[in-house]
Amino acid sequence: LLYIGTKEQEQLSTIQEISTSYNISKNHLMKVTHEL
């Protein structure tokens, strides 16, 4: 949410870019974003 919140409302983020920024597993983020 913090990562996405840094962008303008209409801008899209990808799980890959979030994964890279935080050095977090893409698979973990897929589960998290699904639930969010």
Full PDB file with SEQRES, HELIX, SHEET, SSBOND, CRYST1, ORIGX, SCALE, CONECT and MASTER records, all heavy atoms in Angstrom:
SEQRES   1 A   36  LEU LEU TYR ILE GLY THR LYS GLU GLN GLU GLN LEU SER          
SEQRES   2 A   36  THR ILE GLN GLU ILE SER THR SER TYR ASN ILE SER LYS          
SEQRES   3 A   36  ASN HIS LEU MET LYS VAL THR HIS GLU LEU                      
HELIX    1 AA1 LEU A    2  GLY A    5  1                                   4    
HELIX    2 AA2 ILE A   15  TYR A   22  1                                   8    
HELIX    3 AA3 LYS A   26  GLU A   35  1                                  10    
CRYST1    1.000    1.000    1.000  90.00  90.00  90.00 P 1           1          
ORIGX1      1.000000  0.000000  0.000000        0.00000                         
ORIGX2      0.000000  1.000000  0.000000        0.00000                         
ORIGX3      0.000000  0.000000  1.000000        0.00000                         
SCALE1      1.000000  0.000000  0.000000        0.00000                         
SCALE2      0.000000  1.000000  0.000000        0.00000                         
SCALE3      0.000000  0.000000  1.000000        0.00000                         
ATOM      1  N   LEU A   1       0.827  -1.214   0.000  1.00  0.00           N  
ATOM      2  CA  LEU A   1       0.000   0.000   0.000  1.00  0.00           C  
ATOM      3  C   LEU A   1       0.856   1.258   0.000  1.00  0.00           C  
ATOM      4  O   LEU A   1       0.541   2.231  -0.704  1.00  0.00           O  
ATOM      5  CB  LEU A   1      -0.946  -0.004   1.199  1.00  0.00           C  
ATOM      6  CG  LEU A   1      -2.038  -1.071   1.175  1.00  0.00           C  
ATOM      7  CD1 LEU A   1      -2.806  -1.082   2.489  1.00  0.00           C  
ATOM      8  CD2 LEU A   1      -2.979  -0.876  -0.010  1.00  0.00           C  
ATOM      9  N   LEU A   2       1.941   1.255   0.757  1.00  0.00           N  
ATOM     10  CA  LEU A   2       2.842   2.413   0.761  1.00  0.00           C  
ATOM     11  C   LEU A   2       3.459   2.627  -0.616  1.00  0.00           C  
ATOM     12  O   LEU A   2       3.518   3.758  -1.110  1.00  0.00           O  
ATOM     13  CB  LEU A   2       3.945   2.237   1.810  1.00  0.00           C  
ATOM     14  CG  LEU A   2       3.524   2.475   3.250  1.00  0.00           C  
ATOM     15  CD1 LEU A   2       4.559   1.926   4.220  1.00  0.00           C  
ATOM     16  CD2 LEU A   2       3.287   3.956   3.488  1.00  0.00           C  
ATOM     17  N   TYR A   3       3.912   1.550  -1.229  1.00  0.00           N  
ATOM     18  CA  TYR A   3       4.524   1.666  -2.554  1.00  0.00           C  
ATOM     19  C   TYR A   3       3.511   2.231  -3.559  1.00  0.00           C  
ATOM     20  O   TYR A   3       3.796   3.215  -4.244  1.00  0.00           O  
ATOM     21  CB  TYR A   3       5.027   0.302  -3.030  1.00  0.00           C  
ATOM     22  CG  TYR A   3       5.770   0.389  -4.340  1.00  0.00           C  
ATOM     23  CD1 TYR A   3       7.153   0.492  -4.346  1.00  0.00           C  
ATOM     24  CD2 TYR A   3       5.108   0.402  -5.571  1.00  0.00           C  
ATOM     25  CE1 TYR A   3       7.857   0.598  -5.542  1.00  0.00           C  
ATOM     26  CE2 TYR A   3       5.793   0.510  -6.761  1.00  0.00           C  
ATOM     27  CZ  TYR A   3       7.167   0.605  -6.743  1.00  0.00           C  
ATOM     28  OH  TYR A   3       7.860   0.722  -7.923  1.00  0.00           O  
ATOM     29  N   ILE A   4       2.361   1.617  -3.610  1.00  0.00           N  
ATOM     30  CA  ILE A   4       1.337   2.058  -4.564  1.00  0.00           C  
ATOM     31  C   ILE A   4       0.906   3.487  -4.259  1.00  0.00           C  
ATOM     32  O   ILE A   4       0.650   4.281  -5.158  1.00  0.00           O  
ATOM     33  CB  ILE A   4       0.119   1.110  -4.538  1.00  0.00           C  
ATOM     34  CG1 ILE A   4       0.520  -0.289  -4.987  1.00  0.00           C  
ATOM     35  CG2 ILE A   4      -0.993   1.636  -5.420  1.00  0.00           C  
ATOM     36  CD1 ILE A   4      -0.558  -1.329  -4.752  1.00  0.00           C  
ATOM     37  N   GLY A   5       0.852   3.810  -2.967  1.00  0.00           N  
ATOM     38  CA  GLY A   5       0.430   5.143  -2.550  1.00  0.00           C  
ATOM     39  C   GLY A   5       1.377   6.256  -2.955  1.00  0.00           C  
ATOM     40  O   GLY A   5       0.989   7.422  -2.978  1.00  0.00           O  
ATOM     41  N   THR A   6       2.618   5.905  -3.282  1.00  0.00           N  
ATOM     42  CA  THR A   6       3.560   6.951  -3.701  1.00  0.00           C  
ATOM     43  C   THR A   6       3.277   7.419  -5.116  1.00  0.00           C  
ATOM     44  O   THR A   6       3.774   8.463  -5.534  1.00  0.00           O  
ATOM     45  CB  THR A   6       5.028   6.467  -3.632  1.00  0.00           C  
ATOM     46  OG1 THR A   6       5.231   5.421  -4.571  1.00  0.00           O  
ATOM     47  CG2 THR A   6       5.413   6.039  -2.232  1.00  0.00           C  
ATOM     48  N   LYS A   7       2.496   6.653  -5.846  1.00  0.00           N  
ATOM     49  CA  LYS A   7       2.183   7.009  -7.232  1.00  0.00           C  
ATOM     50  C   LYS A   7       0.884   7.791  -7.302  1.00  0.00           C  
ATOM     51  O   LYS A   7       0.088   7.800  -6.366  1.00  0.00           O  
ATOM     52  CB  LYS A   7       2.068   5.740  -8.077  1.00  0.00           C  
ATOM     53  CG  LYS A   7       3.393   5.008  -8.204  1.00  0.00           C  
ATOM     54  CD  LYS A   7       3.329   3.998  -9.310  1.00  0.00           C  
ATOM     55  CE  LYS A   7       4.708   3.414  -9.557  1.00  0.00           C  
ATOM     56  NZ  LYS A   7       4.713   2.584 -10.761  1.00  0.00           N  
ATOM     57  N   GLU A   8       0.677   8.415  -8.427  1.00  0.00           N  
ATOM     58  CA  GLU A   8      -0.586   9.119  -8.648  1.00  0.00           C  
ATOM     59  C   GLU A   8      -1.710   8.087  -8.719  1.00  0.00           C  
ATOM     60  O   GLU A   8      -1.495   6.939  -9.121  1.00  0.00           O  
ATOM     61  CB  GLU A   8      -0.515   9.939  -9.936  1.00  0.00           C  
ATOM     62  CG  GLU A   8       0.544  11.029  -9.916  1.00  0.00           C  
ATOM     63  CD  GLU A   8       0.381  12.014  -8.770  1.00  0.00           C  
ATOM     64  OE1 GLU A   8      -0.762  12.398  -8.460  1.00  0.00           O  
ATOM     65  OE2 GLU A   8       1.399  12.373  -8.165  1.00  0.00           O  
ATOM     66  N   GLN A   9      -2.915   8.482  -8.337  1.00  0.00           N  
ATOM     67  CA  GLN A   9      -4.061   7.565  -8.209  1.00  0.00           C  
ATOM     68  C   GLN A   9      -4.273   6.686  -9.445  1.00  0.00           C  
ATOM     69  O   GLN A   9      -4.562   5.508  -9.323  1.00  0.00           O  
ATOM     70  CB  GLN A   9      -5.334   8.362  -7.907  1.00  0.00           C  
ATOM     71  CG  GLN A   9      -6.572   7.525  -7.695  1.00  0.00           C  
ATOM     72  CD  GLN A   9      -6.583   6.731  -6.400  1.00  0.00           C  
ATOM     73  OE1 GLN A   9      -5.952   7.106  -5.431  1.00  0.00           O  
ATOM     74  NE2 GLN A   9      -7.300   5.635  -6.395  1.00  0.00           N  
ATOM     75  N   GLU A  10      -4.115   7.236 -10.630  1.00  0.00           N  
ATOM     76  CA  GLU A  10      -4.411   6.472 -11.854  1.00  0.00           C  
ATOM     77  C   GLU A  10      -3.248   5.593 -12.314  1.00  0.00           C  
ATOM     78  O   GLU A  10      -3.406   4.742 -13.174  1.00  0.00           O  
ATOM     79  CB  GLU A  10      -4.845   7.414 -12.984  1.00  0.00           C  
ATOM     80  CG  GLU A  10      -3.742   8.300 -13.528  1.00  0.00           C  
ATOM     81  CD  GLU A  10      -3.397   9.526 -12.681  1.00  0.00           C  
ATOM     82  OE1 GLU A  10      -4.108   9.811 -11.702  1.00  0.00           O  
ATOM     83  OE2 GLU A  10      -2.393  10.190 -13.010  1.00  0.00           O  
ATOM     84  N   GLN A  11      -2.067   5.782 -11.734  1.00  0.00           N  
ATOM     85  CA  GLN A  11      -0.901   5.022 -12.167  1.00  0.00           C  
ATOM     86  C   GLN A  11      -0.932   3.593 -11.654  1.00  0.00           C  
ATOM     87  O   GLN A  11      -1.405   3.331 -10.551  1.00  0.00           O  
ATOM     88  CB  GLN A  11       0.383   5.685 -11.683  1.00  0.00           C  
ATOM     89  CG  GLN A  11       0.728   6.928 -12.454  1.00  0.00           C  
ATOM     90  CD  GLN A  11       2.063   7.451 -12.005  1.00  0.00           C  
ATOM     91  OE1 GLN A  11       2.151   8.057 -10.953  1.00  0.00           O  
ATOM     92  NE2 GLN A  11       3.081   7.182 -12.784  1.00  0.00           N  
ATOM     93  N   LEU A  12      -0.418   2.706 -12.468  1.00  0.00           N  
ATOM     94  CA  LEU A  12      -0.361   1.292 -12.111  1.00  0.00           C  
ATOM     95  C   LEU A  12       1.033   0.916 -11.630  1.00  0.00           C  
ATOM     96  O   LEU A  12       2.034   1.478 -12.077  1.00  0.00           O  
ATOM     97  CB  LEU A  12      -0.723   0.430 -13.322  1.00  0.00           C  
ATOM     98  CG  LEU A  12      -2.134   0.594 -13.867  1.00  0.00           C  
ATOM     99  CD1 LEU A  12      -2.290  -0.194 -15.162  1.00  0.00           C  
ATOM    100  CD2 LEU A  12      -3.164   0.155 -12.840  1.00  0.00           C  
ATOM    101  N   SER A  13       1.075  -0.045 -10.733  1.00  0.00           N  
ATOM    102  CA  SER A  13       2.327  -0.645 -10.267  1.00  0.00           C  
ATOM    103  C   SER A  13       2.246  -2.125 -10.597  1.00  0.00           C  
ATOM    104  O   SER A  13       1.161  -2.681 -10.699  1.00  0.00           O  
ATOM    105  CB  SER A  13       2.476  -0.481  -8.756  1.00  0.00           C  
ATOM    106  OG  SER A  13       2.536   0.867  -8.391  1.00  0.00           O  
ATOM    107  N   THR A  14       3.395  -2.751 -10.730  1.00  0.00           N  
ATOM    108  CA  THR A  14       3.406  -4.187 -10.958  1.00  0.00           C  
ATOM    109  C   THR A  14       3.974  -4.887  -9.723  1.00  0.00           C  
ATOM    110  O   THR A  14       4.752  -4.306  -8.960  1.00  0.00           O  
ATOM    111  CB  THR A  14       4.255  -4.578 -12.184  1.00  0.00           C  
ATOM    112  OG1 THR A  14       5.623  -4.270 -11.915  1.00  0.00           O  
ATOM    113  CG2 THR A  14       3.775  -3.856 -13.444  1.00  0.00           C  
ATOM    114  N   ILE A  15       3.585  -6.132  -9.572  1.00  0.00           N  
ATOM    115  CA  ILE A  15       4.115  -6.933  -8.476  1.00  0.00           C  
ATOM    116  C   ILE A  15       5.632  -7.054  -8.621  1.00  0.00           C  
ATOM    117  O   ILE A  15       6.353  -6.990  -7.633  1.00  0.00           O  
ATOM    118  CB  ILE A  15       3.427  -8.307  -8.436  1.00  0.00           C  
ATOM    119  CG1 ILE A  15       1.969  -8.122  -8.036  1.00  0.00           C  
ATOM    120  CG2 ILE A  15       4.144  -9.255  -7.483  1.00  0.00           C  
ATOM    121  CD1 ILE A  15       1.119  -9.361  -8.133  1.00  0.00           C  
ATOM    122  N   GLN A  16       6.089  -7.161  -9.853  1.00  0.00           N  
ATOM    123  CA  GLN A  16       7.534  -7.288 -10.086  1.00  0.00           C  
ATOM    124  C   GLN A  16       8.288  -6.058  -9.583  1.00  0.00           C  
ATOM    125  O   GLN A  16       9.311  -6.190  -8.926  1.00  0.00           O  
ATOM    126  CB  GLN A  16       7.829  -7.516 -11.570  1.00  0.00           C  
ATOM    127  CG  GLN A  16       9.311  -7.683 -11.876  1.00  0.00           C  
ATOM    128  CD  GLN A  16       9.923  -8.878 -11.161  1.00  0.00           C  
ATOM    129  OE1 GLN A  16       9.465  -9.991 -11.314  1.00  0.00           O  
ATOM    130  NE2 GLN A  16      10.954  -8.637 -10.359  1.00  0.00           N  
ATOM    131  N   GLU A  17       7.800  -4.864  -9.883  1.00  0.00           N  
ATOM    132  CA  GLU A  17       8.533  -3.672  -9.440  1.00  0.00           C  
ATOM    133  C   GLU A  17       8.489  -3.523  -7.926  1.00  0.00           C  
ATOM    134  O   GLU A  17       9.474  -3.102  -7.317  1.00  0.00           O  
ATOM    135  CB  GLU A  17       8.052  -2.405 -10.161  1.00  0.00           C  
ATOM    136  CG  GLU A  17       6.657  -1.953  -9.814  1.00  0.00           C  
ATOM    137  CD  GLU A  17       6.177  -0.785 -10.663  1.00  0.00           C  
ATOM    138  OE1 GLU A  17       5.983  -0.966 -11.875  1.00  0.00           O  
ATOM    139  OE2 GLU A  17       5.978   0.306 -10.089  1.00  0.00           O  
ATOM    140  N   ILE A  18       7.383  -3.898  -7.304  1.00  0.00           N  
ATOM    141  CA  ILE A  18       7.294  -3.841  -5.843  1.00  0.00           C  
ATOM    142  C   ILE A  18       8.245  -4.874  -5.233  1.00  0.00           C  
ATOM    143  O   ILE A  18       8.960  -4.589  -4.280  1.00  0.00           O  
ATOM    144  CB  ILE A  18       5.842  -4.063  -5.370  1.00  0.00           C  
ATOM    145  CG1 ILE A  18       4.932  -2.952  -5.904  1.00  0.00           C  
ATOM    146  CG2 ILE A  18       5.775  -4.121  -3.838  1.00  0.00           C  
ATOM    147  CD1 ILE A  18       3.450  -3.214  -5.725  1.00  0.00           C  
ATOM    148  N   SER A  19       8.253  -6.068  -5.812  1.00  0.00           N  
ATOM    149  CA  SER A  19       9.149  -7.135  -5.364  1.00  0.00           C  
ATOM    150  C   SER A  19      10.603  -6.688  -5.427  1.00  0.00           C  
ATOM    151  O   SER A  19      11.376  -6.892  -4.487  1.00  0.00           O  
ATOM    152  CB  SER A  19       8.938  -8.376  -6.233  1.00  0.00           C  
ATOM    153  OG  SER A  19       9.911  -9.344  -5.987  1.00  0.00           O  
ATOM    154  N   THR A  20      10.963  -6.056  -6.512  1.00  0.00           N  
ATOM    155  CA  THR A  20      12.333  -5.566  -6.687  1.00  0.00           C  
ATOM    156  C   THR A  20      12.658  -4.461  -5.688  1.00  0.00           C  
ATOM    157  O   THR A  20      13.726  -4.468  -5.068  1.00  0.00           O  
ATOM    158  CB  THR A  20      12.537  -5.059  -8.131  1.00  0.00           C  
ATOM    159  OG1 THR A  20      12.285  -6.142  -9.035  1.00  0.00           O  
ATOM    160  CG2 THR A  20      13.931  -4.517  -8.344  1.00  0.00           C  
ATOM    161  N   SER A  21      11.758  -3.532  -5.500  1.00  0.00           N  
ATOM    162  CA  SER A  21      12.006  -2.404  -4.592  1.00  0.00           C  
ATOM    163  C   SER A  21      12.228  -2.841  -3.149  1.00  0.00           C  
ATOM    164  O   SER A  21      13.076  -2.300  -2.452  1.00  0.00           O  
ATOM    165  CB  SER A  21      10.847  -1.415  -4.638  1.00  0.00           C  
ATOM    166  OG  SER A  21      10.866  -0.700  -5.845  1.00  0.00           O  
ATOM    167  N   TYR A  22      11.450  -3.811  -2.710  1.00  0.00           N  
ATOM    168  CA  TYR A  22      11.547  -4.266  -1.327  1.00  0.00           C  
ATOM    169  C   TYR A  22      12.398  -5.526  -1.151  1.00  0.00           C  
ATOM    170  O   TYR A  22      12.622  -5.962  -0.031  1.00  0.00           O  
ATOM    171  CB  TYR A  22      10.154  -4.561  -0.767  1.00  0.00           C  
ATOM    172  CG  TYR A  22       9.331  -3.350  -0.431  1.00  0.00           C  
ATOM    173  CD1 TYR A  22       8.117  -3.117  -1.067  1.00  0.00           C  
ATOM    174  CD2 TYR A  22       9.729  -2.446   0.556  1.00  0.00           C  
ATOM    175  CE1 TYR A  22       7.327  -2.031  -0.738  1.00  0.00           C  
ATOM    176  CE2 TYR A  22       8.947  -1.353   0.885  1.00  0.00           C  
ATOM    177  CZ  TYR A  22       7.750  -1.152   0.238  1.00  0.00           C  
ATOM    178  OH  TYR A  22       6.972  -0.071   0.574  1.00  0.00           O  
ATOM    179  N   ASN A  23      12.814  -6.116  -2.279  1.00  0.00           N  
ATOM    180  CA  ASN A  23      13.542  -7.388  -2.241  1.00  0.00           C  
ATOM    181  C   ASN A  23      12.724  -8.454  -1.508  1.00  0.00           C  
ATOM    182  O   ASN A  23      13.196  -9.114  -0.580  1.00  0.00           O  
ATOM    183  CB  ASN A  23      14.922  -7.218  -1.608  1.00  0.00           C  
ATOM    184  CG  ASN A  23      15.820  -8.405  -1.883  1.00  0.00           C  
ATOM    185  OD1 ASN A  23      15.657  -9.102  -2.876  1.00  0.00           O  
ATOM    186  ND2 ASN A  23      16.766  -8.647  -0.984  1.00  0.00           N  
ATOM    187  N   ILE A  24      11.464  -8.567  -1.926  1.00  0.00           N  
ATOM    188  CA  ILE A  24      10.514  -9.529  -1.363  1.00  0.00           C  
ATOM    189  C   ILE A  24      10.112 -10.496  -2.463  1.00  0.00           C  
ATOM    190  O   ILE A  24       9.983 -10.107  -3.626  1.00  0.00           O  
ATOM    191  CB  ILE A  24       9.250  -8.806  -0.830  1.00  0.00           C  
ATOM    192  CG1 ILE A  24       9.603  -7.871   0.325  1.00  0.00           C  
ATOM    193  CG2 ILE A  24       8.197  -9.803  -0.396  1.00  0.00           C  
ATOM    194  CD1 ILE A  24       8.436  -7.013   0.774  1.00  0.00           C  
ATOM    195  N   SER A  25       9.864 -11.722  -2.091  1.00  0.00           N  
ATOM    196  CA  SER A  25       9.438 -12.747  -3.030  1.00  0.00           C  
ATOM    197  C   SER A  25       8.188 -12.315  -3.807  1.00  0.00           C  
ATOM    198  O   SER A  25       7.200 -11.870  -3.219  1.00  0.00           O  
ATOM    199  CB  SER A  25       9.135 -14.045  -2.275  1.00  0.00           C  
ATOM    200  OG  SER A  25       8.322 -14.900  -3.026  1.00  0.00           O  
ATOM    201  N   LYS A  26       8.254 -12.470  -5.104  1.00  0.00           N  
ATOM    202  CA  LYS A  26       7.114 -12.154  -5.975  1.00  0.00           C  
ATOM    203  C   LYS A  26       5.916 -13.037  -5.618  1.00  0.00           C  
ATOM    204  O   LYS A  26       4.773 -12.576  -5.636  1.00  0.00           O  
ATOM    205  CB  LYS A  26       7.538 -12.353  -7.431  1.00  0.00           C  
ATOM    206  CG  LYS A  26       6.578 -11.826  -8.442  1.00  0.00           C  
ATOM    207  CD  LYS A  26       7.180 -11.953  -9.831  1.00  0.00           C  
ATOM    208  CE  LYS A  26       6.118 -11.815 -10.881  1.00  0.00           C  
ATOM    209  NZ  LYS A  26       6.621 -12.065 -12.223  1.00  0.00           N  
ATOM    210  N   ASN A  27       6.184 -14.303  -5.282  1.00  0.00           N  
ATOM    211  CA  ASN A  27       5.090 -15.215  -4.916  1.00  0.00           C  
ATOM    212  C   ASN A  27       4.364 -14.742  -3.663  1.00  0.00           C  
ATOM    213  O   ASN A  27       3.135 -14.811  -3.593  1.00  0.00           O  
ATOM    214  CB  ASN A  27       5.618 -16.638  -4.706  1.00  0.00           C  
ATOM    215  CG  ASN A  27       6.012 -17.300  -6.002  1.00  0.00           C  
ATOM    216  OD1 ASN A  27       5.515 -16.940  -7.073  1.00  0.00           O  
ATOM    217  ND2 ASN A  27       6.907 -18.258  -5.930  1.00  0.00           N  
ATOM    218  N   HIS A  28       5.102 -14.265  -2.663  1.00  0.00           N  
ATOM    219  CA  HIS A  28       4.479 -13.727  -1.451  1.00  0.00           C  
ATOM    220  C   HIS A  28       3.597 -12.529  -1.805  1.00  0.00           C  
ATOM    221  O   HIS A  28       2.481 -12.405  -1.327  1.00  0.00           O  
ATOM    222  CB  HIS A  28       5.538 -13.281  -0.443  1.00  0.00           C  
ATOM    223  CG  HIS A  28       6.209 -14.381   0.311  1.00  0.00           C  
ATOM    224  ND1 HIS A  28       6.209 -15.683  -0.092  1.00  0.00           N  
ATOM    225  CD2 HIS A  28       6.919 -14.351   1.459  1.00  0.00           C  
ATOM    226  CE1 HIS A  28       6.884 -16.412   0.771  1.00  0.00           C  
ATOM    227  NE2 HIS A  28       7.341 -15.626   1.719  1.00  0.00           N  
ATOM    228  N   LEU A  29       4.138 -11.663  -2.646  1.00  0.00           N  
ATOM    229  CA  LEU A  29       3.390 -10.451  -3.013  1.00  0.00           C  
ATOM    230  C   LEU A  29       2.149 -10.764  -3.826  1.00  0.00           C  
ATOM    231  O   LEU A  29       1.150 -10.048  -3.720  1.00  0.00           O  
ATOM    232  CB  LEU A  29       4.293  -9.473  -3.762  1.00  0.00           C  
ATOM    233  CG  LEU A  29       5.366  -8.807  -2.907  1.00  0.00           C  
ATOM    234  CD1 LEU A  29       6.191  -7.846  -3.745  1.00  0.00           C  
ATOM    235  CD2 LEU A  29       4.760  -8.089  -1.715  1.00  0.00           C  
ATOM    236  N   MET A  30       2.176 -11.817  -4.603  1.00  0.00           N  
ATOM    237  CA  MET A  30       0.983 -12.203  -5.366  1.00  0.00           C  
ATOM    238  C   MET A  30      -0.149 -12.576  -4.407  1.00  0.00           C  
ATOM    239  O   MET A  30      -1.302 -12.176  -4.605  1.00  0.00           O  
ATOM    240  CB  MET A  30       1.300 -13.343  -6.330  1.00  0.00           C  
ATOM    241  CG  MET A  30       2.136 -12.881  -7.513  1.00  0.00           C  
ATOM    242  SD  MET A  30       2.691 -14.211  -8.581  1.00  0.00           S  
ATOM    243  CE  MET A  30       1.159 -14.806  -9.227  1.00  0.00           C  
ATOM    244  N   LYS A  31       0.170 -13.310  -3.355  1.00  0.00           N  
ATOM    245  CA  LYS A  31      -0.835 -13.687  -2.356  1.00  0.00           C  
ATOM    246  C   LYS A  31      -1.351 -12.453  -1.622  1.00  0.00           C  
ATOM    247  O   LYS A  31      -2.556 -12.297  -1.411  1.00  0.00           O  
ATOM    248  CB  LYS A  31      -0.237 -14.676  -1.355  1.00  0.00           C  
ATOM    249  CG  LYS A  31       0.108 -16.018  -1.961  1.00  0.00           C  
ATOM    250  CD  LYS A  31       0.835 -16.884  -0.953  1.00  0.00           C  
ATOM    251  CE  LYS A  31       1.398 -18.117  -1.637  1.00  0.00           C  
ATOM    252  NZ  LYS A  31       2.286 -18.872  -0.755  1.00  0.00           N  
ATOM    253  N   VAL A  32      -0.429 -11.588  -1.246  1.00  0.00           N  
ATOM    254  CA  VAL A  32      -0.792 -10.367  -0.519  1.00  0.00           C  
ATOM    255  C   VAL A  32      -1.687  -9.472  -1.373  1.00  0.00           C  
ATOM    256  O   VAL A  32      -2.722  -8.993  -0.912  1.00  0.00           O  
ATOM    257  CB  VAL A  32       0.488  -9.607  -0.080  1.00  0.00           C  
ATOM    258  CG1 VAL A  32       0.182  -8.187   0.352  1.00  0.00           C  
ATOM    259  CG2 VAL A  32       1.199 -10.371   1.031  1.00  0.00           C  
ATOM    260  N   THR A  33      -1.302  -9.252  -2.632  1.00  0.00           N  
ATOM    261  CA  THR A  33      -2.091  -8.362  -3.487  1.00  0.00           C  
ATOM    262  C   THR A  33      -3.454  -8.965  -3.800  1.00  0.00           C  
ATOM    263  O   THR A  33      -4.437  -8.234  -3.905  1.00  0.00           O  
ATOM    264  CB  THR A  33      -1.356  -8.008  -4.795  1.00  0.00           C  
ATOM    265  OG1 THR A  33      -1.000  -9.196  -5.484  1.00  0.00           O  
ATOM    266  CG2 THR A  33      -0.123  -7.169  -4.510  1.00  0.00           C  
ATOM    267  N   HIS A  34      -3.512 -10.275  -3.903  1.00  0.00           N  
ATOM    268  CA  HIS A  34      -4.819 -10.929  -4.122  1.00  0.00           C  
ATOM    269  C   HIS A  34      -5.760 -10.607  -2.956  1.00  0.00           C  
ATOM    270  O   HIS A  34      -6.913 -10.223  -3.162  1.00  0.00           O  
ATOM    271  CB  HIS A  34      -4.649 -12.442  -4.290  1.00  0.00           C  
ATOM    272  CG  HIS A  34      -5.935 -13.176  -4.365  1.00  0.00           C  
ATOM    273  ND1 HIS A  34      -6.743 -13.149  -5.489  1.00  0.00           N  
ATOM    274  CD2 HIS A  34      -6.582 -13.934  -3.449  1.00  0.00           C  
ATOM    275  CE1 HIS A  34      -7.828 -13.859  -5.259  1.00  0.00           C  
ATOM    276  NE2 HIS A  34      -7.751 -14.349  -4.025  1.00  0.00           N  
ATOM    277  N   GLU A  35      -5.247 -10.761  -1.739  1.00  0.00           N  
ATOM    278  CA  GLU A  35      -6.063 -10.496  -0.550  1.00  0.00           C  
ATOM    279  C   GLU A  35      -6.404  -9.011  -0.429  1.00  0.00           C  
ATOM    280  O   GLU A  35      -7.540  -8.654  -0.091  1.00  0.00           O  
ATOM    281  CB  GLU A  35      -5.342 -10.983   0.704  1.00  0.00           C  
ATOM    282  CG  GLU A  35      -6.179 -10.918   1.957  1.00  0.00           C  
ATOM    283  CD  GLU A  35      -7.340 -11.887   1.981  1.00  0.00           C  
ATOM    284  OE1 GLU A  35      -7.321 -12.904   1.264  1.00  0.00           O  
ATOM    285  OE2 GLU A  35      -8.302 -11.622   2.732  1.00  0.00           O  
ATOM    286  N   LEU A  36      -5.447  -8.132  -0.703  1.00  0.00           N  
ATOM    287  CA  LEU A  36      -5.728  -6.693  -0.656  1.00  0.00           C  
ATOM    288  C   LEU A  36      -6.827  -6.324  -1.656  1.00  0.00           C  
ATOM    289  O   LEU A  36      -7.676  -5.477  -1.372  1.00  0.00           O  
ATOM    290  CB  LEU A  36      -4.460  -5.885  -0.951  1.00  0.00           C  
ATOM    291  CG  LEU A  36      -3.413  -5.820   0.154  1.00  0.00           C  
ATOM    292  CD1 LEU A  36      -2.109  -5.215  -0.372  1.00  0.00           C  
ATOM    293  CD2 LEU A  36      -3.924  -5.024   1.352  1.00  0.00           C  
TER     294      LEU A  36                                                      
MASTER        0    0    0    3    0    0    0    6  293    1    0    3          
END                                                                             
